[in-house]
């Protein structure tokens, strides 16, 4: 989540991540085996307190996890920790956001002092 200034500048506010196979339960993997839209709830943003400046906007960025700080998921369907580059398979991700598949972002709002 970013605050985007009227001048185009950006400030990182918070982030959250979730692996698709752990979308329902963090302890029980359930690989995605359908092309049908699935629900993903991101509930671990770490907002503390910030007043959003007048004329600024919030931007939510959806992106794959590709970091040296996280295990790579090579999409083999096996245990992620056991996957290697030889297991890699391509994946196509489609993000639905329309009238039939609405998205919602709930932001806690307070009153200025």
PDB file of N, CA and C in Angstrom:
ATOM      1  N   UNK A   1       0.858  -1.160   0.000  1.00  0.00           N
ATOM      2  CA  UNK A   1       0.000   0.000   0.000  1.00  0.00           C
ATOM      3  C   UNK A   1       0.906   1.224   0.000  1.00  0.00           C
ATOM      4  N   UNK A   2       0.574   2.157  -0.857  1.00  0.00           N
ATOM      5  CA  UNK A   2       1.361   3.379  -0.998  1.00  0.00           C
ATOM      6  C   UNK A   2       0.455   4.600  -0.875  1.00  0.00           C
ATOM      7  N   UNK A   3       1.027   5.683  -0.387  1.00  0.00           N
ATOM      8  CA  UNK A   3       0.382   6.983  -0.492  1.00  0.00           C
ATOM      9  C   UNK A   3       1.016   7.658  -1.700  1.00  0.00           C
ATOM     10  N   UNK A   4       0.175   8.071  -2.640  1.00  0.00           N
ATOM     11  CA  UNK A   4       0.649   8.715  -3.858  1.00  0.00           C
ATOM     12  C   UNK A   4       0.341  10.204  -3.773  1.00  0.00           C
ATOM     13  N   UNK A   5       1.389  11.013  -3.873  1.00  0.00           N
ATOM     14  CA  UNK A   5       1.234  12.460  -3.788  1.00  0.00           C
ATOM     15  C   UNK A   5       0.696  13.048  -5.075  1.00  0.00           C
ATOM     16  N   UNK A   6       0.144  14.247  -4.976  1.00  0.00           N
ATOM     17  CA  UNK A   6      -0.378  14.948  -6.151  1.00  0.00           C
ATOM     18  C   UNK A   6       0.721  15.177  -7.187  1.00  0.00           C
ATOM     19  N   UNK A   7       1.974  15.212  -6.728  1.00  0.00           N
ATOM     20  CA  UNK A   7       3.113  15.411  -7.638  1.00  0.00           C
ATOM     21  C   UNK A   7       3.661  14.091  -8.190  1.00  0.00           C
ATOM     22  N   UNK A   8       3.027  12.950  -7.847  1.00  0.00           N
ATOM     23  CA  UNK A   8       3.471  11.648  -8.337  1.00  0.00           C
ATOM     24  C   UNK A   8       4.424  10.925  -7.405  1.00  0.00           C
ATOM     25  N   UNK A   9       4.843  11.573  -6.335  1.00  0.00           N
ATOM     26  CA  UNK A   9       5.734  10.918  -5.377  1.00  0.00           C
ATOM     27  C   UNK A   9       4.981   9.802  -4.660  1.00  0.00           C
ATOM     28  N   UNK A  10       5.724   8.857  -4.077  1.00  0.00           N
ATOM     29  CA  UNK A  10       5.055   7.769  -3.365  1.00  0.00           C
ATOM     30  C   UNK A  10       5.771   7.460  -2.054  1.00  0.00           C
ATOM     31  N   UNK A  11       4.992   7.030  -1.075  1.00  0.00           N
ATOM     32  CA  UNK A  11       5.492   6.653   0.242  1.00  0.00           C
ATOM     33  C   UNK A  11       4.926   5.272   0.555  1.00  0.00           C
ATOM     34  N   UNK A  12       5.798   4.321   0.889  1.00  0.00           N
ATOM     35  CA  UNK A  12       5.337   2.993   1.271  1.00  0.00           C
ATOM     36  C   UNK A  12       4.665   3.092   2.636  1.00  0.00           C
ATOM     37  N   UNK A  13       3.439   2.583   2.729  1.00  0.00           N
ATOM     38  CA  UNK A  13       2.709   2.615   3.993  1.00  0.00           C
ATOM     39  C   UNK A  13       2.718   1.259   4.685  1.00  0.00           C
ATOM     40  N   UNK A  14       2.515   0.192   3.917  1.00  0.00           N
ATOM     41  CA  UNK A  14       2.424  -1.136   4.503  1.00  0.00           C
ATOM     42  C   UNK A  14       2.434  -2.169   3.392  1.00  0.00           C
ATOM     43  N   UNK A  15       2.606  -3.431   3.778  1.00  0.00           N
ATOM     44  CA  UNK A  15       2.516  -4.502   2.794  1.00  0.00           C
ATOM     45  C   UNK A  15       2.009  -5.773   3.470  1.00  0.00           C
ATOM     46  N   UNK A  16       1.567  -6.690   2.666  1.00  0.00           N
ATOM     47  CA  UNK A  16       1.103  -7.989   3.133  1.00  0.00           C
ATOM     48  C   UNK A  16       1.373  -8.974   2.009  1.00  0.00           C
ATOM     49  N   UNK A  17       1.525 -10.232   2.328  1.00  0.00           N
ATOM     50  CA  UNK A  17       1.699 -11.230   1.282  1.00  0.00           C
ATOM     51  C   UNK A  17       1.036 -12.525   1.702  1.00  0.00           C
ATOM     52  N   UNK A  18       0.666 -13.303   0.695  1.00  0.00           N
ATOM     53  CA  UNK A  18       0.044 -14.595   0.935  1.00  0.00           C
ATOM     54  C   UNK A  18       0.352 -15.493  -0.257  1.00  0.00           C
ATOM     55  N   UNK A  19       0.682 -16.735   0.020  1.00  0.00           N
ATOM     56  CA  UNK A  19       0.850 -17.709  -1.053  1.00  0.00           C
ATOM     57  C   UNK A  19      -0.529 -18.251  -1.406  1.00  0.00           C
ATOM     58  N   UNK A  20      -0.771 -18.436  -2.687  1.00  0.00           N
ATOM     59  CA  UNK A  20      -2.082 -18.900  -3.145  1.00  0.00           C
ATOM     60  C   UNK A  20      -2.481 -20.212  -2.472  1.00  0.00           C
ATOM     61  N   UNK A  21      -1.542 -21.111  -2.283  1.00  0.00           N
ATOM     62  CA  UNK A  21      -1.882 -22.411  -1.695  1.00  0.00           C
ATOM     63  C   UNK A  21      -2.238 -22.307  -0.209  1.00  0.00           C
ATOM     64  N   UNK A  22      -1.913 -21.174   0.425  1.00  0.00           N
ATOM     65  CA  UNK A  22      -2.256 -20.968   1.833  1.00  0.00           C
ATOM     66  C   UNK A  22      -3.344 -19.905   1.996  1.00  0.00           C
ATOM     67  N   UNK A  23      -4.155 -19.706   0.970  1.00  0.00           N
ATOM     68  CA  UNK A  23      -5.176 -18.659   0.995  1.00  0.00           C
ATOM     69  C   UNK A  23      -6.275 -18.920   2.024  1.00  0.00           C
ATOM     70  N   UNK A  24      -6.495 -20.177   2.399  1.00  0.00           N
ATOM     71  CA  UNK A  24      -7.563 -20.512   3.343  1.00  0.00           C
ATOM     72  C   UNK A  24      -7.045 -20.846   4.735  1.00  0.00           C
ATOM     73  N   UNK A  25      -5.803 -21.365   4.798  1.00  0.00           N
ATOM     74  CA  UNK A  25      -5.268 -21.805   6.076  1.00  0.00           C
ATOM     75  C   UNK A  25      -3.744 -21.779   6.000  1.00  0.00           C
ATOM     76  N   UNK A  26      -3.107 -21.106   6.924  1.00  0.00           N
ATOM     77  CA  UNK A  26      -1.653 -20.953   6.908  1.00  0.00           C
ATOM     78  C   UNK A  26      -0.908 -22.254   7.210  1.00  0.00           C
ATOM     79  N   UNK A  27      -1.595 -23.254   7.716  1.00  0.00           N
ATOM     80  CA  UNK A  27      -0.948 -24.516   8.075  1.00  0.00           C
ATOM     81  C   UNK A  27      -1.288 -25.674   7.134  1.00  0.00           C
ATOM     82  N   UNK A  28      -2.300 -25.490   6.299  1.00  0.00           N
ATOM     83  CA  UNK A  28      -2.741 -26.583   5.422  1.00  0.00           C
ATOM     84  C   UNK A  28      -2.753 -26.113   3.975  1.00  0.00           C
ATOM     85  N   UNK A  29      -1.726 -26.465   3.193  1.00  0.00           N
ATOM     86  CA  UNK A  29      -1.691 -26.023   1.805  1.00  0.00           C
ATOM     87  C   UNK A  29      -2.818 -26.639   0.979  1.00  0.00           C
ATOM     88  N   UNK A  30      -3.368 -25.835   0.090  1.00  0.00           N
ATOM     89  CA  UNK A  30      -4.415 -26.288  -0.828  1.00  0.00           C
ATOM     90  C   UNK A  30      -4.071 -25.692  -2.192  1.00  0.00           C
ATOM     91  N   UNK A  31      -3.303 -26.445  -3.009  1.00  0.00           N
ATOM     92  CA  UNK A  31      -2.892 -25.907  -4.309  1.00  0.00           C
ATOM     93  C   UNK A  31      -4.080 -25.482  -5.162  1.00  0.00           C
ATOM     94  N   UNK A  32      -3.871 -24.477  -5.978  1.00  0.00           N
ATOM     95  CA  UNK A  32      -4.914 -23.982  -6.874  1.00  0.00           C
ATOM     96  C   UNK A  32      -5.006 -24.943  -8.054  1.00  0.00           C
ATOM     97  N   UNK A  33      -6.179 -25.519  -8.242  1.00  0.00           N
ATOM     98  CA  UNK A  33      -6.375 -26.490  -9.316  1.00  0.00           C
ATOM     99  C   UNK A  33      -7.540 -26.085 -10.221  1.00  0.00           C
ATOM    100  N   UNK A  34      -7.865 -24.811 -10.224  1.00  0.00           N
ATOM    101  CA  UNK A  34      -8.985 -24.323 -11.018  1.00  0.00           C
ATOM    102  C   UNK A  34      -8.620 -22.995 -11.668  1.00  0.00           C
ATOM    103  N   UNK A  35      -9.326 -22.669 -12.729  1.00  0.00           N
ATOM    104  CA  UNK A  35      -9.165 -21.351 -13.350  1.00  0.00           C
ATOM    105  C   UNK A  35     -10.277 -20.411 -12.900  1.00  0.00           C
ATOM    106  N   UNK A  36     -11.181 -20.920 -12.063  1.00  0.00           N
ATOM    107  CA  UNK A  36     -12.274 -20.097 -11.535  1.00  0.00           C
ATOM    108  C   UNK A  36     -11.710 -19.069 -10.555  1.00  0.00           C
ATOM    109  N   UNK A  37     -12.341 -17.906 -10.456  1.00  0.00           N
ATOM    110  CA  UNK A  37     -11.880 -16.889  -9.494  1.00  0.00           C
ATOM    111  C   UNK A  37     -11.949 -17.419  -8.063  1.00  0.00           C
ATOM    112  N   UNK A  38     -10.924 -17.121  -7.280  1.00  0.00           N
ATOM    113  CA  UNK A  38     -10.860 -17.499  -5.871  1.00  0.00           C
ATOM    114  C   UNK A  38     -10.692 -16.247  -5.023  1.00  0.00           C
ATOM    115  N   UNK A  39     -11.133 -16.329  -3.790  1.00  0.00           N
ATOM    116  CA  UNK A  39     -11.039 -15.190  -2.876  1.00  0.00           C
ATOM    117  C   UNK A  39      -9.716 -15.233  -2.112  1.00  0.00           C
ATOM    118  N   UNK A  40      -9.110 -14.063  -1.987  1.00  0.00           N
ATOM    119  CA  UNK A  40      -7.881 -13.901  -1.211  1.00  0.00           C
ATOM    120  C   UNK A  40      -8.089 -12.743  -0.243  1.00  0.00           C
ATOM    121  N   UNK A  41      -7.895 -12.991   1.037  1.00  0.00           N
ATOM    122  CA  UNK A  41      -8.043 -11.952   2.055  1.00  0.00           C
ATOM    123  C   UNK A  41      -6.661 -11.590   2.584  1.00  0.00           C
ATOM    124  N   UNK A  42      -6.298 -10.326   2.432  1.00  0.00           N
ATOM    125  CA  UNK A  42      -5.040  -9.809   2.969  1.00  0.00           C
ATOM    126  C   UNK A  42      -5.382  -9.057   4.249  1.00  0.00           C
ATOM    127  N   UNK A  43      -5.025  -9.649   5.382  1.00  0.00           N
ATOM    128  CA  UNK A  43      -5.468  -9.110   6.668  1.00  0.00           C
ATOM    129  C   UNK A  43      -4.316  -8.761   7.611  1.00  0.00           C
ATOM    130  N   UNK A  44      -3.111  -8.657   7.083  1.00  0.00           N
ATOM    131  CA  UNK A  44      -1.974  -8.406   7.965  1.00  0.00           C
ATOM    132  C   UNK A  44      -1.195  -7.155   7.593  1.00  0.00           C
ATOM    133  N   UNK A  45      -1.905  -6.152   7.103  1.00  0.00           N
ATOM    134  CA  UNK A  45      -1.252  -4.861   6.890  1.00  0.00           C
ATOM    135  C   UNK A  45      -0.872  -4.302   8.246  1.00  0.00           C
ATOM    136  N   UNK A  46       0.233  -3.588   8.312  1.00  0.00           N
ATOM    137  CA  UNK A  46       0.735  -3.088   9.598  1.00  0.00           C
ATOM    138  C   UNK A  46       0.583  -1.572   9.709  1.00  0.00           C
ATOM    139  N   UNK A  47      -0.624  -1.088   9.514  1.00  0.00           N
ATOM    140  CA  UNK A  47      -0.862   0.335   9.672  1.00  0.00           C
ATOM    141  C   UNK A  47      -0.686   0.732  11.127  1.00  0.00           C
ATOM    142  N   UNK A  48      -0.067   1.840  11.364  1.00  0.00           N
ATOM    143  CA  UNK A  48       0.055   2.365  12.715  1.00  0.00           C
ATOM    144  C   UNK A  48      -0.767   3.643  12.784  1.00  0.00           C
ATOM    145  N   UNK A  49      -0.277   4.701  12.166  1.00  0.00           N
ATOM    146  CA  UNK A  49      -1.017   5.952  12.132  1.00  0.00           C
ATOM    147  C   UNK A  49      -0.398   6.847  11.077  1.00  0.00           C
ATOM    148  N   UNK A  50      -1.244   7.427  10.262  1.00  0.00           N
ATOM    149  CA  UNK A  50      -0.760   8.349   9.239  1.00  0.00           C
ATOM    150  C   UNK A  50      -1.932   9.171   8.744  1.00  0.00           C
ATOM    151  N   UNK A  51      -1.714  10.450   8.624  1.00  0.00           N
ATOM    152  CA  UNK A  51      -2.716  11.320   8.041  1.00  0.00           C
ATOM    153  C   UNK A  51      -2.372  11.474   6.560  1.00  0.00           C
ATOM    154  N   UNK A  52      -3.300  11.095   5.702  1.00  0.00           N
ATOM    155  CA  UNK A  52      -3.103  11.199   4.260  1.00  0.00           C
ATOM    156  C   UNK A  52      -3.307  12.656   3.865  1.00  0.00           C
ATOM    157  N   UNK A  53      -2.329  13.202   3.181  1.00  0.00           N
ATOM    158  CA  UNK A  53      -2.397  14.615   2.806  1.00  0.00           C
ATOM    159  C   UNK A  53      -3.522  14.883   1.820  1.00  0.00           C
ATOM    160  N   UNK A  54      -4.042  16.083   1.865  1.00  0.00           N
ATOM    161  CA  UNK A  54      -5.093  16.498   0.955  1.00  0.00           C
ATOM    162  C   UNK A  54      -4.608  16.325  -0.484  1.00  0.00           C
ATOM    163  N   UNK A  55      -5.469  15.829  -1.345  1.00  0.00           N
ATOM    164  CA  UNK A  55      -5.219  15.575  -2.767  1.00  0.00           C
ATOM    165  C   UNK A  55      -4.323  14.364  -3.011  1.00  0.00           C
ATOM    166  N   UNK A  56      -3.868  13.673  -1.982  1.00  0.00           N
ATOM    167  CA  UNK A  56      -3.110  12.436  -2.173  1.00  0.00           C
ATOM    168  C   UNK A  56      -4.071  11.259  -2.284  1.00  0.00           C
ATOM    169  N   UNK A  57      -3.589  10.157  -2.791  1.00  0.00           N
ATOM    170  CA  UNK A  57      -4.400   8.965  -2.997  1.00  0.00           C
ATOM    171  C   UNK A  57      -3.695   7.750  -2.409  1.00  0.00           C
ATOM    172  N   UNK A  58      -4.458   6.678  -2.209  1.00  0.00           N
ATOM    173  CA  UNK A  58      -3.891   5.400  -1.803  1.00  0.00           C
ATOM    174  C   UNK A  58      -3.784   4.506  -3.034  1.00  0.00           C
ATOM    175  N   UNK A  59      -2.698   3.747  -3.120  1.00  0.00           N
ATOM    176  CA  UNK A  59      -2.521   2.802  -4.224  1.00  0.00           C
ATOM    177  C   UNK A  59      -2.225   1.431  -3.635  1.00  0.00           C
ATOM    178  N   UNK A  60      -3.018   0.459  -4.047  1.00  0.00           N
ATOM    179  CA  UNK A  60      -2.802  -0.923  -3.659  1.00  0.00           C
ATOM    180  C   UNK A  60      -2.146  -1.621  -4.839  1.00  0.00           C
ATOM    181  N   UNK A  61      -0.991  -2.230  -4.618  1.00  0.00           N
ATOM    182  CA  UNK A  61      -0.237  -2.890  -5.684  1.00  0.00           C
ATOM    183  C   UNK A  61      -0.302  -4.395  -5.458  1.00  0.00           C
ATOM    184  N   UNK A  62      -0.715  -5.113  -6.501  1.00  0.00           N
ATOM    185  CA  UNK A  62      -0.746  -6.572  -6.469  1.00  0.00           C
ATOM    186  C   UNK A  62       0.399  -7.052  -7.359  1.00  0.00           C
ATOM    187  N   UNK A  63       1.276  -7.874  -6.823  1.00  0.00           N
ATOM    188  CA  UNK A  63       2.450  -8.317  -7.575  1.00  0.00           C
ATOM    189  C   UNK A  63       2.876  -9.695  -7.085  1.00  0.00           C
ATOM    190  N   UNK A  64       3.554 -10.468  -7.917  1.00  0.00           N
ATOM    191  CA  UNK A  64       4.046 -11.764  -7.436  1.00  0.00           C
ATOM    192  C   UNK A  64       5.199 -11.568  -6.451  1.00  0.00           C
ATOM    193  N   UNK A  65       5.397 -12.564  -5.612  1.00  0.00           N
ATOM    194  CA  UNK A  65       6.500 -12.525  -4.660  1.00  0.00           C
ATOM    195  C   UNK A  65       7.753 -12.982  -5.402  1.00  0.00           C
ATOM    196  N   UNK A  66       8.715 -12.107  -5.530  1.00  0.00           N
ATOM    197  CA  UNK A  66       9.979 -12.455  -6.170  1.00  0.00           C
ATOM    198  C   UNK A  66      11.075 -11.731  -5.409  1.00  0.00           C
ATOM    199  N   UNK A  67      11.551 -12.378  -4.376  1.00  0.00           N
ATOM    200  CA  UNK A  67      12.484 -11.737  -3.467  1.00  0.00           C
ATOM    201  C   UNK A  67      13.496 -12.752  -2.957  1.00  0.00           C
ATOM    202  N   UNK A  68      14.685 -12.296  -2.676  1.00  0.00           N
ATOM    203  CA  UNK A  68      15.685 -13.185  -2.078  1.00  0.00           C
ATOM    204  C   UNK A  68      15.326 -13.530  -0.633  1.00  0.00           C
ATOM    205  N   UNK A  69      14.339 -12.861  -0.071  1.00  0.00           N
ATOM    206  CA  UNK A  69      13.944 -13.083   1.313  1.00  0.00           C
ATOM    207  C   UNK A  69      12.828 -14.111   1.457  1.00  0.00           C
ATOM    208  N   UNK A  70      12.282 -14.614   0.345  1.00  0.00           N
ATOM    209  CA  UNK A  70      11.205 -15.598   0.374  1.00  0.00           C
ATOM    210  C   UNK A  70      11.561 -16.777  -0.522  1.00  0.00           C
ATOM    211  N   UNK A  71      11.080 -17.958  -0.142  1.00  0.00           N
ATOM    212  CA  UNK A  71      11.288 -19.130  -0.982  1.00  0.00           C
ATOM    213  C   UNK A  71      10.599 -18.937  -2.323  1.00  0.00           C
ATOM    214  N   UNK A  72      11.247 -19.375  -3.379  1.00  0.00           N
ATOM    215  CA  UNK A  72      10.633 -19.332  -4.700  1.00  0.00           C
ATOM    216  C   UNK A  72       9.616 -20.464  -4.795  1.00  0.00           C
ATOM    217  N   UNK A  73       8.485 -20.175  -5.408  1.00  0.00           N
ATOM    218  CA  UNK A  73       7.492 -21.191  -5.706  1.00  0.00           C
ATOM    219  C   UNK A  73       7.583 -21.453  -7.201  1.00  0.00           C
ATOM    220  N   UNK A  74       8.060 -22.624  -7.568  1.00  0.00           N
ATOM    221  CA  UNK A  74       8.257 -22.943  -8.982  1.00  0.00           C
ATOM    222  C   UNK A  74       7.027 -23.600  -9.610  1.00  0.00           C
ATOM    223  N   UNK A  75       5.915 -23.617  -8.890  1.00  0.00           N
ATOM    224  CA  UNK A  75       4.626 -24.029  -9.438  1.00  0.00           C
ATOM    225  C   UNK A  75       4.571 -25.506  -9.830  1.00  0.00           C
ATOM    226  N   UNK A  76       5.293 -26.361  -9.143  1.00  0.00           N
ATOM    227  CA  UNK A  76       5.240 -27.787  -9.464  1.00  0.00           C
ATOM    228  C   UNK A  76       4.089 -28.483  -8.749  1.00  0.00           C
ATOM    229  N   UNK A  77       3.564 -27.848  -7.701  1.00  0.00           N
ATOM    230  CA  UNK A  77       2.531 -28.479  -6.890  1.00  0.00           C
ATOM    231  C   UNK A  77       3.116 -29.235  -5.708  1.00  0.00           C
ATOM    232  N   UNK A  78       4.435 -29.352  -5.677  1.00  0.00           N
ATOM    233  CA  UNK A  78       5.111 -30.041  -4.572  1.00  0.00           C
ATOM    234  C   UNK A  78       5.315 -29.074  -3.408  1.00  0.00           C
ATOM    235  N   UNK A  79       5.919 -29.563  -2.356  1.00  0.00           N
ATOM    236  CA  UNK A  79       6.255 -28.717  -1.208  1.00  0.00           C
ATOM    237  C   UNK A  79       7.231 -27.644  -1.694  1.00  0.00           C
ATOM    238  N   UNK A  80       6.915 -26.383  -1.463  1.00  0.00           N
ATOM    239  CA  UNK A  80       7.723 -25.278  -1.964  1.00  0.00           C
ATOM    240  C   UNK A  80       9.177 -25.397  -1.521  1.00  0.00           C
ATOM    241  N   UNK A  81       9.416 -25.801  -0.295  1.00  0.00           N
ATOM    242  CA  UNK A  81      10.775 -25.904   0.230  1.00  0.00           C
ATOM    243  C   UNK A  81      11.609 -26.953  -0.509  1.00  0.00           C
ATOM    244  N   UNK A  82      10.947 -27.898  -1.176  1.00  0.00           N
ATOM    245  CA  UNK A  82      11.664 -28.957  -1.881  1.00  0.00           C
ATOM    246  C   UNK A  82      11.807 -28.692  -3.377  1.00  0.00           C
ATOM    247  N   UNK A  83      11.183 -27.656  -3.882  1.00  0.00           N
ATOM    248  CA  UNK A  83      11.231 -27.373  -5.317  1.00  0.00           C
ATOM    249  C   UNK A  83      12.594 -26.825  -5.727  1.00  0.00           C
ATOM    250  N   UNK A  84      12.979 -27.145  -6.944  1.00  0.00           N
ATOM    251  CA  UNK A  84      14.203 -26.598  -7.515  1.00  0.00           C
ATOM    252  C   UNK A  84      13.866 -26.011  -8.881  1.00  0.00           C
ATOM    253  N   UNK A  85      14.827 -25.358  -9.490  1.00  0.00           N
ATOM    254  CA  UNK A  85      14.622 -24.760 -10.804  1.00  0.00           C
ATOM    255  C   UNK A  85      14.175 -25.799 -11.832  1.00  0.00           C
ATOM    256  N   UNK A  86      14.594 -27.043 -11.678  1.00  0.00           N
ATOM    257  CA  UNK A  86      14.195 -28.100 -12.605  1.00  0.00           C
ATOM    258  C   UNK A  86      12.698 -28.400 -12.513  1.00  0.00           C
ATOM    259  N   UNK A  87      12.054 -28.037 -11.411  1.00  0.00           N
ATOM    260  CA  UNK A  87      10.619 -28.270 -11.226  1.00  0.00           C
ATOM    261  C   UNK A  87       9.770 -27.145 -11.817  1.00  0.00           C
ATOM    262  N   UNK A  88      10.395 -26.077 -12.248  1.00  0.00           N
ATOM    263  CA  UNK A  88       9.667 -24.864 -12.648  1.00  0.00           C
ATOM    264  C   UNK A  88       8.695 -25.115 -13.792  1.00  0.00           C
ATOM    265  N   UNK A  89       7.486 -24.570 -13.634  1.00  0.00           N
ATOM    266  CA  UNK A  89       6.456 -24.596 -14.668  1.00  0.00           C
ATOM    267  C   UNK A  89       5.850 -23.205 -14.759  1.00  0.00           C
ATOM    268  N   UNK A  90       5.460 -22.793 -15.968  1.00  0.00           N
ATOM    269  CA  UNK A  90       4.864 -21.458 -16.104  1.00  0.00           C
ATOM    270  C   UNK A  90       3.493 -21.398 -15.426  1.00  0.00           C
ATOM    271  N   UNK A  91       3.128 -20.210 -15.019  1.00  0.00           N
ATOM    272  CA  UNK A  91       1.811 -19.982 -14.418  1.00  0.00           C
ATOM    273  C   UNK A  91       1.252 -18.687 -14.974  1.00  0.00           C
ATOM    274  N   UNK A  92      -0.051 -18.653 -15.161  1.00  0.00           N
ATOM    275  CA  UNK A  92      -0.734 -17.434 -15.585  1.00  0.00           C
ATOM    276  C   UNK A  92      -1.687 -17.031 -14.470  1.00  0.00           C
ATOM    277  N   UNK A  93      -1.559 -15.808 -14.020  1.00  0.00           N
ATOM    278  CA  UNK A  93      -2.416 -15.288 -12.954  1.00  0.00           C
ATOM    279  C   UNK A  93      -3.313 -14.221 -13.552  1.00  0.00           C
ATOM    280  N   UNK A  94      -4.610 -14.341 -13.296  1.00  0.00           N
ATOM    281  CA  UNK A  94      -5.576 -13.355 -13.760  1.00  0.00           C
ATOM    282  C   UNK A  94      -6.207 -12.699 -12.547  1.00  0.00           C
ATOM    283  N   UNK A  95      -6.148 -11.401 -12.494  1.00  0.00           N
ATOM    284  CA  UNK A  95      -6.755 -10.649 -11.401  1.00  0.00           C
ATOM    285  C   UNK A  95      -8.110 -10.140 -11.867  1.00  0.00           C
ATOM    286  N   UNK A  96      -9.175 -10.585 -11.200  1.00  0.00           N
ATOM    287  CA  UNK A  96     -10.524 -10.163 -11.542  1.00  0.00           C
ATOM    288  C   UNK A  96     -10.906  -8.969 -10.686  1.00  0.00           C
ATOM    289  N   UNK A  97     -11.392  -7.928 -11.318  1.00  0.00           N
ATOM    290  CA  UNK A  97     -11.871  -6.744 -10.603  1.00  0.00           C
ATOM    291  C   UNK A  97     -12.874  -6.050 -11.516  1.00  0.00           C
ATOM    292  N   UNK A  98     -14.123  -6.475 -11.401  1.00  0.00           N
ATOM    293  CA  UNK A  98     -15.193  -5.904 -12.216  1.00  0.00           C
ATOM    294  C   UNK A  98     -16.506  -6.036 -11.441  1.00  0.00           C
ATOM    295  N   UNK A  99     -17.610  -5.715 -12.083  1.00  0.00           N
ATOM    296  CA  UNK A  99     -18.903  -5.767 -11.383  1.00  0.00           C
ATOM    297  C   UNK A  99     -19.255  -7.178 -10.917  1.00  0.00           C
ATOM    298  N   UNK A 100     -18.865  -8.186 -11.676  1.00  0.00           N
ATOM    299  CA  UNK A 100     -19.154  -9.560 -11.296  1.00  0.00           C
ATOM    300  C   UNK A 100     -18.205 -10.079 -10.217  1.00  0.00           C
ATOM    301  N   UNK A 101     -17.039  -9.451 -10.096  1.00  0.00           N
ATOM    302  CA  UNK A 101     -16.021  -9.874  -9.133  1.00  0.00           C
ATOM    303  C   UNK A 101     -15.488  -8.645  -8.393  1.00  0.00           C
ATOM    304  N   UNK A 102     -16.312  -8.051  -7.534  1.00  0.00           N
ATOM    305  CA  UNK A 102     -15.874  -6.817  -6.865  1.00  0.00           C
ATOM    306  C   UNK A 102     -14.766  -7.068  -5.843  1.00  0.00           C
ATOM    307  N   UNK A 103     -13.923  -6.086  -5.690  1.00  0.00           N
ATOM    308  CA  UNK A 103     -12.879  -6.101  -4.671  1.00  0.00           C
ATOM    309  C   UNK A 103     -13.197  -5.009  -3.661  1.00  0.00           C
ATOM    310  N   UNK A 104     -12.636  -5.153  -2.480  1.00  0.00           N
ATOM    311  CA  UNK A 104     -12.874  -4.147  -1.440  1.00  0.00           C
ATOM    312  C   UNK A 104     -11.586  -3.921  -0.671  1.00  0.00           C
ATOM    313  N   UNK A 105     -11.343  -2.681  -0.331  1.00  0.00           N
ATOM    314  CA  UNK A 105     -10.219  -2.321   0.518  1.00  0.00           C
ATOM    315  C   UNK A 105     -10.790  -1.540   1.699  1.00  0.00           C
ATOM    316  N   UNK A 106     -10.610  -2.075   2.880  1.00  0.00           N
ATOM    317  CA  UNK A 106     -11.114  -1.432   4.086  1.00  0.00           C
ATOM    318  C   UNK A 106      -9.945  -0.762   4.796  1.00  0.00           C
ATOM    319  N   UNK A 107     -10.016   0.527   4.949  1.00  0.00           N
ATOM    320  CA  UNK A 107      -8.954   1.305   5.572  1.00  0.00           C
ATOM    321  C   UNK A 107      -9.503   1.942   6.842  1.00  0.00           C
ATOM    322  N   UNK A 108      -8.837   1.736   7.986  1.00  0.00           N
ATOM    323  CA  UNK A 108      -9.329   2.377   9.213  1.00  0.00           C
ATOM    324  C   UNK A 108      -9.188   3.897   9.088  1.00  0.00           C
ATOM    325  N   UNK A 109     -10.260   4.579   9.429  1.00  0.00           N
ATOM    326  CA  UNK A 109     -10.280   6.042   9.308  1.00  0.00           C
ATOM    327  C   UNK A 109     -10.554   6.652  10.662  1.00  0.00           C
ATOM    328  N   UNK A 110      -9.735   7.616  11.036  1.00  0.00           N
ATOM    329  CA  UNK A 110      -9.918   8.316  12.294  1.00  0.00           C
ATOM    330  C   UNK A 110     -10.152   9.793  12.030  1.00  0.00           C
ATOM    331  N   UNK A 111     -10.309  10.537  13.056  1.00  0.00           N
ATOM    332  CA  UNK A 111     -10.516  11.977  12.951  1.00  0.00           C
ATOM    333  C   UNK A 111      -9.201  12.686  13.252  1.00  0.00           C
ATOM    334  N   UNK A 112      -8.886  13.734  12.482  1.00  0.00           N
ATOM    335  CA  UNK A 112      -7.664  14.494  12.782  1.00  0.00           C
ATOM    336  C   UNK A 112      -7.757  15.145  14.155  1.00  0.00           C
ATOM    337  N   UNK A 113      -6.606  15.353  14.811  1.00  0.00           N
ATOM    338  CA  UNK A 113      -6.616  15.931  16.154  1.00  0.00           C
ATOM    339  C   UNK A 113      -7.099  17.367  16.151  1.00  0.00           C
TER     340      UNK A 113
END
